[in-house]
């Protein structure tokens, strides 16, 4: 859960620093690249975290909080990376695919655990 929290909060903090620094701090060198790249890297790291902790998804008593949290964060990054793929870089498609993989694999692992 600590890694998931870090992967969720770091891009949000990067956005806050970029927005406040460029608007009020006179730091014009803070471009949207400082926001876009953490937003695109976080879903890839979340997919690695998801794959390493599949047993938390299979066992609902142990990992219900992890499963729910990673799905919510994956949907959030899916939304922002679709916008990033359209407006910033086609490389955001990799992050979109990682988010979709997390959502589909979570559902499949839960189905396998019930059977």
PDB file of N, CA and C in Angstrom:
ATOM      1  N   UNK A   1       0.823  -1.198   0.000  1.00  0.00           N
ATOM      2  CA  UNK A   1       0.000   0.000   0.000  1.00  0.00           C
ATOM      3  C   UNK A   1       0.872   1.269   0.000  1.00  0.00           C
ATOM      4  N   UNK A   2       2.062   1.201   0.569  1.00  0.00           N
ATOM      5  CA  UNK A   2       2.940   2.371   0.585  1.00  0.00           C
ATOM      6  C   UNK A   2       3.385   2.728  -0.827  1.00  0.00           C
ATOM      7  N   UNK A   3       3.736   1.714  -1.609  1.00  0.00           N
ATOM      8  CA  UNK A   3       4.160   1.971  -2.979  1.00  0.00           C
ATOM      9  C   UNK A   3       2.998   2.509  -3.807  1.00  0.00           C
ATOM     10  N   UNK A   4       1.825   1.950  -3.603  1.00  0.00           N
ATOM     11  CA  UNK A   4       0.652   2.417  -4.338  1.00  0.00           C
ATOM     12  C   UNK A   4       0.347   3.867  -3.986  1.00  0.00           C
ATOM     13  N   UNK A   5       0.481   4.224  -2.735  1.00  0.00           N
ATOM     14  CA  UNK A   5       0.270   5.615  -2.326  1.00  0.00           C
ATOM     15  C   UNK A   5       1.309   6.530  -2.957  1.00  0.00           C
ATOM     16  N   UNK A   6       2.546   6.074  -3.015  1.00  0.00           N
ATOM     17  CA  UNK A   6       3.597   6.891  -3.638  1.00  0.00           C
ATOM     18  C   UNK A   6       3.342   7.062  -5.128  1.00  0.00           C
ATOM     19  N   UNK A   7       2.947   5.984  -5.807  1.00  0.00           N
ATOM     20  CA  UNK A   7       2.676   6.070  -7.246  1.00  0.00           C
ATOM     21  C   UNK A   7       1.469   6.954  -7.539  1.00  0.00           C
ATOM     22  N   UNK A   8       0.592   7.092  -6.568  1.00  0.00           N
ATOM     23  CA  UNK A   8      -0.583   7.936  -6.745  1.00  0.00           C
ATOM     24  C   UNK A   8      -0.276   9.391  -6.439  1.00  0.00           C
ATOM     25  N   UNK A   9       0.467   9.639  -5.373  1.00  0.00           N
ATOM     26  CA  UNK A   9       0.664  11.005  -4.908  1.00  0.00           C
ATOM     27  C   UNK A   9       1.777  11.767  -5.623  1.00  0.00           C
ATOM     28  N   UNK A  10       2.808  11.099  -6.069  1.00  0.00           N
ATOM     29  CA  UNK A  10       3.935  11.802  -6.689  1.00  0.00           C
ATOM     30  C   UNK A  10       3.506  12.574  -7.938  1.00  0.00           C
ATOM     31  N   UNK A  11       2.753  11.977  -8.873  1.00  0.00           N
ATOM     32  CA  UNK A  11       2.321  12.790 -10.024  1.00  0.00           C
ATOM     33  C   UNK A  11       1.414  13.958  -9.644  1.00  0.00           C
ATOM     34  N   UNK A  12       0.587  13.769  -8.627  1.00  0.00           N
ATOM     35  CA  UNK A  12      -0.281  14.863  -8.183  1.00  0.00           C
ATOM     36  C   UNK A  12       0.556  15.989  -7.578  1.00  0.00           C
ATOM     37  N   UNK A  13       1.568  15.643  -6.802  1.00  0.00           N
ATOM     38  CA  UNK A  13       2.452  16.657  -6.231  1.00  0.00           C
ATOM     39  C   UNK A  13       3.276  17.349  -7.315  1.00  0.00           C
ATOM     40  N   UNK A  14       3.693  16.599  -8.331  1.00  0.00           N
ATOM     41  CA  UNK A  14       4.412  17.210  -9.456  1.00  0.00           C
ATOM     42  C   UNK A  14       3.529  18.239 -10.152  1.00  0.00           C
ATOM     43  N   UNK A  15       2.264  17.908 -10.324  1.00  0.00           N
ATOM     44  CA  UNK A  15       1.332  18.847 -10.946  1.00  0.00           C
ATOM     45  C   UNK A  15       1.174  20.091 -10.085  1.00  0.00           C
ATOM     46  N   UNK A  16       1.061  19.926  -8.782  1.00  0.00           N
ATOM     47  CA  UNK A  16       0.896  21.075  -7.884  1.00  0.00           C
ATOM     48  C   UNK A  16       2.129  21.972  -7.913  1.00  0.00           C
ATOM     49  N   UNK A  17       3.313  21.376  -7.884  1.00  0.00           N
ATOM     50  CA  UNK A  17       4.550  22.161  -7.915  1.00  0.00           C
ATOM     51  C   UNK A  17       4.678  22.889  -9.248  1.00  0.00           C
ATOM     52  N   UNK A  18       4.351  22.195 -10.338  1.00  0.00           N
ATOM     53  CA  UNK A  18       4.446  22.815 -11.658  1.00  0.00           C
ATOM     54  C   UNK A  18       3.476  23.973 -11.772  1.00  0.00           C
ATOM     55  N   UNK A  19       2.249  23.767 -11.333  1.00  0.00           N
ATOM     56  CA  UNK A  19       1.231  24.798 -11.460  1.00  0.00           C
ATOM     57  C   UNK A  19       1.562  26.013 -10.598  1.00  0.00           C
ATOM     58  N   UNK A  20       1.870  25.777  -9.346  1.00  0.00           N
ATOM     59  CA  UNK A  20       2.172  26.893  -8.442  1.00  0.00           C
ATOM     60  C   UNK A  20       3.503  27.557  -8.783  1.00  0.00           C
ATOM     61  N   UNK A  21       4.494  26.736  -9.158  1.00  0.00           N
ATOM     62  CA  UNK A  21       5.809  27.300  -9.465  1.00  0.00           C
ATOM     63  C   UNK A  21       5.813  28.140 -10.718  1.00  0.00           C
ATOM     64  N   UNK A  22       5.108  27.713 -11.727  1.00  0.00           N
ATOM     65  CA  UNK A  22       5.110  28.484 -12.967  1.00  0.00           C
ATOM     66  C   UNK A  22       4.184  29.700 -12.885  1.00  0.00           C
ATOM     67  N   UNK A  23       3.135  29.598 -12.090  1.00  0.00           N
ATOM     68  CA  UNK A  23       2.177  30.699 -12.015  1.00  0.00           C
ATOM     69  C   UNK A  23       2.610  31.772 -11.021  1.00  0.00           C
ATOM     70  N   UNK A  24       3.031  31.354  -9.833  1.00  0.00           N
ATOM     71  CA  UNK A  24       3.314  32.332  -8.781  1.00  0.00           C
ATOM     72  C   UNK A  24       4.793  32.465  -8.449  1.00  0.00           C
ATOM     73  N   UNK A  25       5.580  31.450  -8.743  1.00  0.00           N
ATOM     74  CA  UNK A  25       6.979  31.484  -8.355  1.00  0.00           C
ATOM     75  C   UNK A  25       7.907  32.046  -9.412  1.00  0.00           C
ATOM     76  N   UNK A  26       7.379  32.334 -10.580  1.00  0.00           N
ATOM     77  CA  UNK A  26       8.213  32.866 -11.642  1.00  0.00           C
ATOM     78  C   UNK A  26       9.143  31.825 -12.245  1.00  0.00           C
ATOM     79  N   UNK A  27       8.843  30.563 -12.031  1.00  0.00           N
ATOM     80  CA  UNK A  27       9.682  29.492 -12.577  1.00  0.00           C
ATOM     81  C   UNK A  27       9.110  29.053 -13.921  1.00  0.00           C
ATOM     82  N   UNK A  28       9.458  29.775 -14.953  1.00  0.00           N
ATOM     83  CA  UNK A  28       8.918  29.472 -16.273  1.00  0.00           C
ATOM     84  C   UNK A  28       9.512  28.203 -16.866  1.00  0.00           C
ATOM     85  N   UNK A  29      10.595  27.708 -16.306  1.00  0.00           N
ATOM     86  CA  UNK A  29      11.216  26.497 -16.825  1.00  0.00           C
ATOM     87  C   UNK A  29      10.434  25.247 -16.432  1.00  0.00           C
ATOM     88  N   UNK A  30       9.476  25.382 -15.509  1.00  0.00           N
ATOM     89  CA  UNK A  30       8.627  24.245 -15.145  1.00  0.00           C
ATOM     90  C   UNK A  30       7.543  24.085 -16.204  1.00  0.00           C
ATOM     91  N   UNK A  31       7.752  23.163 -17.100  1.00  0.00           N
ATOM     92  CA  UNK A  31       6.795  22.953 -18.182  1.00  0.00           C
ATOM     93  C   UNK A  31       5.870  21.788 -17.830  1.00  0.00           C
ATOM     94  N   UNK A  32       4.950  21.504 -18.736  1.00  0.00           N
ATOM     95  CA  UNK A  32       4.028  20.397 -18.516  1.00  0.00           C
ATOM     96  C   UNK A  32       4.710  19.041 -18.643  1.00  0.00           C
ATOM     97  N   UNK A  33       5.932  19.013 -19.145  1.00  0.00           N
ATOM     98  CA  UNK A  33       6.680  17.754 -19.190  1.00  0.00           C
ATOM     99  C   UNK A  33       6.914  17.211 -17.785  1.00  0.00           C
ATOM    100  N   UNK A  34       7.068  18.102 -16.815  1.00  0.00           N
ATOM    101  CA  UNK A  34       7.279  17.668 -15.433  1.00  0.00           C
ATOM    102  C   UNK A  34       6.040  17.008 -14.847  1.00  0.00           C
ATOM    103  N   UNK A  35       4.907  17.225 -15.459  1.00  0.00           N
ATOM    104  CA  UNK A  35       3.661  16.595 -15.020  1.00  0.00           C
ATOM    105  C   UNK A  35       3.346  15.370 -15.863  1.00  0.00           C
ATOM    106  N   UNK A  36       3.570  15.472 -17.150  1.00  0.00           N
ATOM    107  CA  UNK A  36       3.155  14.409 -18.068  1.00  0.00           C
ATOM    108  C   UNK A  36       3.944  13.121 -17.852  1.00  0.00           C
ATOM    109  N   UNK A  37       5.220  13.219 -17.671  1.00  0.00           N
ATOM    110  CA  UNK A  37       6.013  11.995 -17.540  1.00  0.00           C
ATOM    111  C   UNK A  37       5.708  11.213 -16.275  1.00  0.00           C
ATOM    112  N   UNK A  38       5.576  11.840 -15.100  1.00  0.00           N
ATOM    113  CA  UNK A  38       5.148  11.040 -13.937  1.00  0.00           C
ATOM    114  C   UNK A  38       3.763  10.433 -14.106  1.00  0.00           C
ATOM    115  N   UNK A  39       2.862  11.135 -14.803  1.00  0.00           N
ATOM    116  CA  UNK A  39       1.537  10.580 -15.059  1.00  0.00           C
ATOM    117  C   UNK A  39       1.600   9.371 -15.987  1.00  0.00           C
ATOM    118  N   UNK A  40       2.592   9.343 -16.864  1.00  0.00           N
ATOM    119  CA  UNK A  40       2.713   8.209 -17.786  1.00  0.00           C
ATOM    120  C   UNK A  40       3.513   7.059 -17.183  1.00  0.00           C
ATOM    121  N   UNK A  41       4.402   7.344 -16.270  1.00  0.00           N
ATOM    122  CA  UNK A  41       5.238   6.296 -15.672  1.00  0.00           C
ATOM    123  C   UNK A  41       4.508   5.576 -14.539  1.00  0.00           C
ATOM    124  N   UNK A  42       3.662   6.273 -13.808  1.00  0.00           N
ATOM    125  CA  UNK A  42       2.988   5.689 -12.648  1.00  0.00           C
ATOM    126  C   UNK A  42       2.161   4.448 -12.978  1.00  0.00           C
ATOM    127  N   UNK A  43       1.368   4.389 -14.062  1.00  0.00           N
ATOM    128  CA  UNK A  43       0.617   3.163 -14.336  1.00  0.00           C
ATOM    129  C   UNK A  43       1.507   1.958 -14.657  1.00  0.00           C
ATOM    130  N   UNK A  44       2.651   2.198 -15.250  1.00  0.00           N
ATOM    131  CA  UNK A  44       3.579   1.098 -15.537  1.00  0.00           C
ATOM    132  C   UNK A  44       4.104   0.524 -14.223  1.00  0.00           C
ATOM    133  N   UNK A  45       4.466   1.391 -13.293  1.00  0.00           N
ATOM    134  CA  UNK A  45       4.932   0.932 -11.983  1.00  0.00           C
ATOM    135  C   UNK A  45       3.806   0.262 -11.201  1.00  0.00           C
ATOM    136  N   UNK A  46       2.586   0.760 -11.364  1.00  0.00           N
ATOM    137  CA  UNK A  46       1.446   0.129 -10.697  1.00  0.00           C
ATOM    138  C   UNK A  46       1.187  -1.264 -11.253  1.00  0.00           C
ATOM    139  N   UNK A  47       1.393  -1.455 -12.550  1.00  0.00           N
ATOM    140  CA  UNK A  47       1.216  -2.778 -13.141  1.00  0.00           C
ATOM    141  C   UNK A  47       2.235  -3.759 -12.574  1.00  0.00           C
ATOM    142  N   UNK A  48       3.462  -3.317 -12.404  1.00  0.00           N
ATOM    143  CA  UNK A  48       4.482  -4.169 -11.790  1.00  0.00           C
ATOM    144  C   UNK A  48       4.081  -4.512 -10.357  1.00  0.00           C
ATOM    145  N   UNK A  49       3.601  -3.534  -9.614  1.00  0.00           N
ATOM    146  CA  UNK A  49       3.139  -3.765  -8.243  1.00  0.00           C
ATOM    147  C   UNK A  49       1.959  -4.732  -8.225  1.00  0.00           C
ATOM    148  N   UNK A  50       1.050  -4.581  -9.165  1.00  0.00           N
ATOM    149  CA  UNK A  50      -0.110  -5.461  -9.265  1.00  0.00           C
ATOM    150  C   UNK A  50       0.323  -6.901  -9.551  1.00  0.00           C
ATOM    151  N   UNK A  51       1.249  -7.073 -10.475  1.00  0.00           N
ATOM    152  CA  UNK A  51       1.706  -8.413 -10.830  1.00  0.00           C
ATOM    153  C   UNK A  51       2.457  -9.083  -9.687  1.00  0.00           C
ATOM    154  N   UNK A  52       3.171  -8.304  -8.905  1.00  0.00           N
ATOM    155  CA  UNK A  52       3.906  -8.876  -7.774  1.00  0.00           C
ATOM    156  C   UNK A  52       2.984  -9.238  -6.611  1.00  0.00           C
ATOM    157  N   UNK A  53       1.808  -8.618  -6.533  1.00  0.00           N
ATOM    158  CA  UNK A  53       0.881  -8.839  -5.411  1.00  0.00           C
ATOM    159  C   UNK A  53      -0.438  -9.438  -5.869  1.00  0.00           C
ATOM    160  N   UNK A  54      -0.384 -10.369  -6.801  1.00  0.00           N
ATOM    161  CA  UNK A  54      -1.606 -11.007  -7.299  1.00  0.00           C
ATOM    162  C   UNK A  54      -2.324 -11.793  -6.215  1.00  0.00           C
ATOM    163  N   UNK A  55      -1.606 -12.307  -5.246  1.00  0.00           N
ATOM    164  CA  UNK A  55      -2.250 -13.102  -4.204  1.00  0.00           C
ATOM    165  C   UNK A  55      -3.180 -12.262  -3.341  1.00  0.00           C
ATOM    166  N   UNK A  56      -2.956 -10.953  -3.269  1.00  0.00           N
ATOM    167  CA  UNK A  56      -3.866 -10.078  -2.529  1.00  0.00           C
ATOM    168  C   UNK A  56      -5.211  -9.958  -3.237  1.00  0.00           C
ATOM    169  N   UNK A  57      -5.207 -10.085  -4.545  1.00  0.00           N
ATOM    170  CA  UNK A  57      -6.454 -10.021  -5.301  1.00  0.00           C
ATOM    171  C   UNK A  57      -7.202 -11.347  -5.176  1.00  0.00           C
ATOM    172  N   UNK A  58      -6.466 -12.433  -5.203  1.00  0.00           N
ATOM    173  CA  UNK A  58      -7.090 -13.770  -5.127  1.00  0.00           C
ATOM    174  C   UNK A  58      -7.728 -14.032  -3.778  1.00  0.00           C
ATOM    175  N   UNK A  59      -7.144 -13.512  -2.715  1.00  0.00           N
ATOM    176  CA  UNK A  59      -7.663 -13.715  -1.373  1.00  0.00           C
ATOM    177  C   UNK A  59      -8.413 -12.457  -0.934  1.00  0.00           C
ATOM    178  N   UNK A  60      -9.739 -12.445  -1.031  1.00  0.00           N
ATOM    179  CA  UNK A  60     -10.487 -11.215  -0.750  1.00  0.00           C
ATOM    180  C   UNK A  60     -10.371 -10.728   0.693  1.00  0.00           C
ATOM    181  N   UNK A  61     -10.114 -11.634   1.626  1.00  0.00           N
ATOM    182  CA  UNK A  61      -9.992 -11.200   3.024  1.00  0.00           C
ATOM    183  C   UNK A  61      -8.730 -10.378   3.243  1.00  0.00           C
ATOM    184  N   UNK A  62      -7.659 -10.752   2.558  1.00  0.00           N
ATOM    185  CA  UNK A  62      -6.391 -10.031   2.735  1.00  0.00           C
ATOM    186  C   UNK A  62      -6.300  -8.772   1.875  1.00  0.00           C
ATOM    187  N   UNK A  63      -6.816  -8.838   0.640  1.00  0.00           N
ATOM    188  CA  UNK A  63      -6.514  -7.775  -0.296  1.00  0.00           C
ATOM    189  C   UNK A  63      -7.672  -6.980  -0.834  1.00  0.00           C
ATOM    190  N   UNK A  64      -8.787  -6.940  -0.124  1.00  0.00           N
ATOM    191  CA  UNK A  64      -9.927  -6.184  -0.663  1.00  0.00           C
ATOM    192  C   UNK A  64      -9.601  -4.697  -0.752  1.00  0.00           C
ATOM    193  N   UNK A  65      -8.899  -4.178   0.221  1.00  0.00           N
ATOM    194  CA  UNK A  65      -8.523  -2.767   0.201  1.00  0.00           C
ATOM    195  C   UNK A  65      -7.549  -2.486  -0.937  1.00  0.00           C
ATOM    196  N   UNK A  66      -6.577  -3.369  -1.141  1.00  0.00           N
ATOM    197  CA  UNK A  66      -5.604  -3.203  -2.224  1.00  0.00           C
ATOM    198  C   UNK A  66      -6.298  -3.250  -3.575  1.00  0.00           C
ATOM    199  N   UNK A  67      -7.189  -4.213  -3.752  1.00  0.00           N
ATOM    200  CA  UNK A  67      -7.887  -4.377  -5.017  1.00  0.00           C
ATOM    201  C   UNK A  67      -8.735  -3.155  -5.349  1.00  0.00           C
ATOM    202  N   UNK A  68      -9.479  -2.697  -4.405  1.00  0.00           N
ATOM    203  CA  UNK A  68     -10.343  -1.543  -4.633  1.00  0.00           C
ATOM    204  C   UNK A  68      -9.523  -0.290  -4.908  1.00  0.00           C
ATOM    205  N   UNK A  69      -8.468  -0.087  -4.155  1.00  0.00           N
ATOM    206  CA  UNK A  69      -7.648   1.112  -4.316  1.00  0.00           C
ATOM    207  C   UNK A  69      -6.939   1.121  -5.658  1.00  0.00           C
ATOM    208  N   UNK A  70      -6.370  -0.009  -6.059  1.00  0.00           N
ATOM    209  CA  UNK A  70      -5.639  -0.026  -7.324  1.00  0.00           C
ATOM    210  C   UNK A  70      -6.581   0.140  -8.512  1.00  0.00           C
ATOM    211  N   UNK A  71      -7.817  -0.343  -8.394  1.00  0.00           N
ATOM    212  CA  UNK A  71      -8.781  -0.136  -9.473  1.00  0.00           C
ATOM    213  C   UNK A  71      -9.175   1.335  -9.591  1.00  0.00           C
ATOM    214  N   UNK A  72      -9.396   1.993  -8.483  1.00  0.00           N
ATOM    215  CA  UNK A  72      -9.769   3.411  -8.508  1.00  0.00           C
ATOM    216  C   UNK A  72      -8.640   4.249  -9.098  1.00  0.00           C
ATOM    217  N   UNK A  73      -7.421   3.979  -8.678  1.00  0.00           N
ATOM    218  CA  UNK A  73      -6.276   4.734  -9.184  1.00  0.00           C
ATOM    219  C   UNK A  73      -6.040   4.426 -10.665  1.00  0.00           C
ATOM    220  N   UNK A  74      -6.242   3.171 -11.065  1.00  0.00           N
ATOM    221  CA  UNK A  74      -6.068   2.808 -12.475  1.00  0.00           C
ATOM    222  C   UNK A  74      -7.078   3.527 -13.358  1.00  0.00           C
ATOM    223  N   UNK A  75      -8.310   3.674 -12.887  1.00  0.00           N
ATOM    224  CA  UNK A  75      -9.323   4.407 -13.663  1.00  0.00           C
ATOM    225  C   UNK A  75      -8.947   5.878 -13.764  1.00  0.00           C
ATOM    226  N   UNK A  76      -8.429   6.442 -12.662  1.00  0.00           N
ATOM    227  CA  UNK A  76      -8.012   7.840 -12.683  1.00  0.00           C
ATOM    228  C   UNK A  76      -6.889   8.042 -13.701  1.00  0.00           C
ATOM    229  N   UNK A  77      -5.878   7.173 -13.674  1.00  0.00           N
ATOM    230  CA  UNK A  77      -4.773   7.301 -14.624  1.00  0.00           C
ATOM    231  C   UNK A  77      -5.207   6.970 -16.045  1.00  0.00           C
ATOM    232  N   UNK A  78      -6.170   6.089 -16.192  1.00  0.00           N
ATOM    233  CA  UNK A  78      -6.693   5.793 -17.521  1.00  0.00           C
ATOM    234  C   UNK A  78      -7.278   7.055 -18.142  1.00  0.00           C
ATOM    235  N   UNK A  79      -8.065   7.771 -17.382  1.00  0.00           N
ATOM    236  CA  UNK A  79      -8.679   9.014 -17.866  1.00  0.00           C
ATOM    237  C   UNK A  79      -7.620  10.043 -18.263  1.00  0.00           C
ATOM    238  N   UNK A  80      -6.660  10.300 -17.362  1.00  0.00           N
ATOM    239  CA  UNK A  80      -5.654  11.324 -17.642  1.00  0.00           C
ATOM    240  C   UNK A  80      -4.708  10.920 -18.766  1.00  0.00           C
ATOM    241  N   UNK A  81      -4.420   9.642 -18.889  1.00  0.00           N
ATOM    242  CA  UNK A  81      -3.514   9.214 -19.951  1.00  0.00           C
ATOM    243  C   UNK A  81      -4.193   9.147 -21.311  1.00  0.00           C
ATOM    244  N   UNK A  82      -5.497   8.961 -21.348  1.00  0.00           N
ATOM    245  CA  UNK A  82      -6.204   9.083 -22.630  1.00  0.00           C
ATOM    246  C   UNK A  82      -6.108  10.523 -23.118  1.00  0.00           C
ATOM    247  N   UNK A  83      -6.298  11.459 -22.209  1.00  0.00           N
ATOM    248  CA  UNK A  83      -6.139  12.873 -22.572  1.00  0.00           C
ATOM    249  C   UNK A  83      -4.691  13.143 -22.992  1.00  0.00           C
ATOM    250  N   UNK A  84      -3.732  12.557 -22.272  1.00  0.00           N
ATOM    251  CA  UNK A  84      -2.325  12.740 -22.617  1.00  0.00           C
ATOM    252  C   UNK A  84      -1.958  12.126 -23.952  1.00  0.00           C
ATOM    253  N   UNK A  85      -2.573  11.000 -24.283  1.00  0.00           N
ATOM    254  CA  UNK A  85      -2.287  10.362 -25.571  1.00  0.00           C
ATOM    255  C   UNK A  85      -2.821  11.205 -26.723  1.00  0.00           C
ATOM    256  N   UNK A  86      -3.917  11.874 -26.498  1.00  0.00           N
ATOM    257  CA  UNK A  86      -4.498  12.716 -27.553  1.00  0.00           C
ATOM    258  C   UNK A  86      -3.734  14.040 -27.666  1.00  0.00           C
ATOM    259  N   UNK A  87      -3.439  14.646 -26.529  1.00  0.00           N
ATOM    260  CA  UNK A  87      -2.881  15.991 -26.563  1.00  0.00           C
ATOM    261  C   UNK A  87      -1.388  16.121 -26.386  1.00  0.00           C
ATOM    262  N   UNK A  88      -0.731  15.137 -25.821  1.00  0.00           N
ATOM    263  CA  UNK A  88       0.689  15.320 -25.510  1.00  0.00           C
ATOM    264  C   UNK A  88       1.581  14.386 -26.310  1.00  0.00           C
ATOM    265  N   UNK A  89       1.450  13.090 -26.082  1.00  0.00           N
ATOM    266  CA  UNK A  89       2.357  12.150 -26.728  1.00  0.00           C
ATOM    267  C   UNK A  89       1.677  10.806 -26.915  1.00  0.00           C
ATOM    268  N   UNK A  90       2.006  10.161 -28.003  1.00  0.00           N
ATOM    269  CA  UNK A  90       1.450   8.840 -28.269  1.00  0.00           C
ATOM    270  C   UNK A  90       2.008   7.804 -27.294  1.00  0.00           C
ATOM    271  N   UNK A  91       3.084   8.110 -26.584  1.00  0.00           N
ATOM    272  CA  UNK A  91       3.644   7.183 -25.599  1.00  0.00           C
ATOM    273  C   UNK A  91       2.704   6.947 -24.421  1.00  0.00           C
ATOM    274  N   UNK A  92       1.750   7.834 -24.234  1.00  0.00           N
ATOM    275  CA  UNK A  92       0.767   7.643 -23.157  1.00  0.00           C
ATOM    276  C   UNK A  92      -0.125   6.443 -23.422  1.00  0.00           C
ATOM    277  N   UNK A  93      -0.121   5.936 -24.649  1.00  0.00           N
ATOM    278  CA  UNK A  93      -0.909   4.738 -24.968  1.00  0.00           C
ATOM    279  C   UNK A  93      -0.401   3.547 -24.157  1.00  0.00           C
ATOM    280  N   UNK A  94       0.893   3.500 -23.888  1.00  0.00           N
ATOM    281  CA  UNK A  94       1.458   2.424 -23.063  1.00  0.00           C
ATOM    282  C   UNK A  94       0.848   2.468 -21.665  1.00  0.00           C
ATOM    283  N   UNK A  95       0.712   3.656 -21.111  1.00  0.00           N
ATOM    284  CA  UNK A  95       0.101   3.805 -19.787  1.00  0.00           C
ATOM    285  C   UNK A  95      -1.379   3.461 -19.810  1.00  0.00           C
ATOM    286  N   UNK A  96      -2.055   3.791 -20.898  1.00  0.00           N
ATOM    287  CA  UNK A  96      -3.461   3.428 -21.035  1.00  0.00           C
ATOM    288  C   UNK A  96      -3.600   1.911 -21.044  1.00  0.00           C
ATOM    289  N   UNK A  97      -2.728   1.242 -21.787  1.00  0.00           N
ATOM    290  CA  UNK A  97      -2.768  -0.222 -21.827  1.00  0.00           C
ATOM    291  C   UNK A  97      -2.451  -0.845 -20.471  1.00  0.00           C
ATOM    292  N   UNK A  98      -1.530  -0.250 -19.720  1.00  0.00           N
ATOM    293  CA  UNK A  98      -1.223  -0.754 -18.376  1.00  0.00           C
ATOM    294  C   UNK A  98      -2.426  -0.607 -17.448  1.00  0.00           C
ATOM    295  N   UNK A  99      -3.104   0.524 -17.521  1.00  0.00           N
ATOM    296  CA  UNK A  99      -4.290   0.729 -16.687  1.00  0.00           C
ATOM    297  C   UNK A  99      -5.395  -0.248 -17.054  1.00  0.00           C
ATOM    298  N   UNK A 100      -5.600  -0.448 -18.348  1.00  0.00           N
ATOM    299  CA  UNK A 100      -6.611  -1.416 -18.780  1.00  0.00           C
ATOM    300  C   UNK A 100      -6.245  -2.835 -18.361  1.00  0.00           C
ATOM    301  N   UNK A 101      -4.973  -3.166 -18.406  1.00  0.00           N
ATOM    302  CA  UNK A 101      -4.516  -4.492 -17.972  1.00  0.00           C
ATOM    303  C   UNK A 101      -4.813  -4.717 -16.501  1.00  0.00           C
ATOM    304  N   UNK A 102      -4.591  -3.713 -15.690  1.00  0.00           N
ATOM    305  CA  UNK A 102      -4.880  -3.825 -14.258  1.00  0.00           C
ATOM    306  C   UNK A 102      -6.369  -4.065 -14.039  1.00  0.00           C
ATOM    307  N   UNK A 103      -7.208  -3.313 -14.729  1.00  0.00           N
ATOM    308  CA  UNK A 103      -8.655  -3.450 -14.543  1.00  0.00           C
ATOM    309  C   UNK A 103      -9.166  -4.812 -14.999  1.00  0.00           C
ATOM    310  N   UNK A 104      -8.693  -5.287 -16.138  1.00  0.00           N
ATOM    311  CA  UNK A 104      -9.155  -6.575 -16.656  1.00  0.00           C
ATOM    312  C   UNK A 104      -8.591  -7.727 -15.834  1.00  0.00           C
ATOM    313  N   UNK A 105      -7.309  -7.669 -15.496  1.00  0.00           N
ATOM    314  CA  UNK A 105      -6.686  -8.751 -14.732  1.00  0.00           C
ATOM    315  C   UNK A 105      -7.280  -8.863 -13.333  1.00  0.00           C
ATOM    316  N   UNK A 106      -7.636  -7.740 -12.725  1.00  0.00           N
ATOM    317  CA  UNK A 106      -8.272  -7.778 -11.405  1.00  0.00           C
ATOM    318  C   UNK A 106      -9.585  -8.545 -11.472  1.00  0.00           C
ATOM    319  N   UNK A 107     -10.363  -8.260 -12.478  1.00  0.00           N
ATOM    320  CA  UNK A 107     -11.642  -8.951 -12.633  1.00  0.00           C
ATOM    321  C   UNK A 107     -11.433 -10.446 -12.891  1.00  0.00           C
ATOM    322  N   UNK A 108     -10.452 -10.794 -13.728  1.00  0.00           N
ATOM    323  CA  UNK A 108     -10.184 -12.197 -14.037  1.00  0.00           C
ATOM    324  C   UNK A 108      -9.678 -12.956 -12.813  1.00  0.00           C
ATOM    325  N   UNK A 109      -8.811 -12.335 -12.043  1.00  0.00           N
ATOM    326  CA  UNK A 109      -8.294 -12.987 -10.834  1.00  0.00           C
ATOM    327  C   UNK A 109      -9.411 -13.224  -9.810  1.00  0.00           C
ATOM    328  N   UNK A 110     -10.339 -12.303  -9.709  1.00  0.00           N
ATOM    329  CA  UNK A 110     -11.462 -12.487  -8.790  1.00  0.00           C
ATOM    330  C   UNK A 110     -12.375 -13.613  -9.261  1.00  0.00           C
ATOM    331  N   UNK A 111     -12.584 -13.716 -10.572  1.00  0.00           N
ATOM    332  CA  UNK A 111     -13.394 -14.803 -11.098  1.00  0.00           C
ATOM    333  C   UNK A 111     -12.736 -16.142 -10.843  1.00  0.00           C
ATOM    334  N   UNK A 112     -11.430 -16.224 -11.022  1.00  0.00           N
ATOM    335  CA  UNK A 112     -10.704 -17.472 -10.782  1.00  0.00           C
ATOM    336  C   UNK A 112     -10.745 -17.852  -9.311  1.00  0.00           C
ATOM    337  N   UNK A 113     -10.699 -16.859  -8.429  1.00  0.00           N
ATOM    338  CA  UNK A 113     -10.715 -17.148  -6.991  1.00  0.00           C
ATOM    339  C   UNK A 113     -12.081 -17.672  -6.556  1.00  0.00           C
ATOM    340  N   UNK A 114     -13.150 -17.208  -7.181  1.00  0.00           N
ATOM    341  CA  UNK A 114     -14.484 -17.692  -6.833  1.00  0.00           C
ATOM    342  C   UNK A 114     -14.722 -19.119  -7.300  1.00  0.00           C
ATOM    343  N   UNK A 115     -14.108 -19.459  -8.422  1.00  0.00           N
ATOM    344  CA  UNK A 115     -14.352 -20.811  -8.999  1.00  0.00           C
ATOM    345  C   UNK A 115     -13.600 -21.900  -8.292  1.00  0.00           C
TER     346      UNK A 115
END
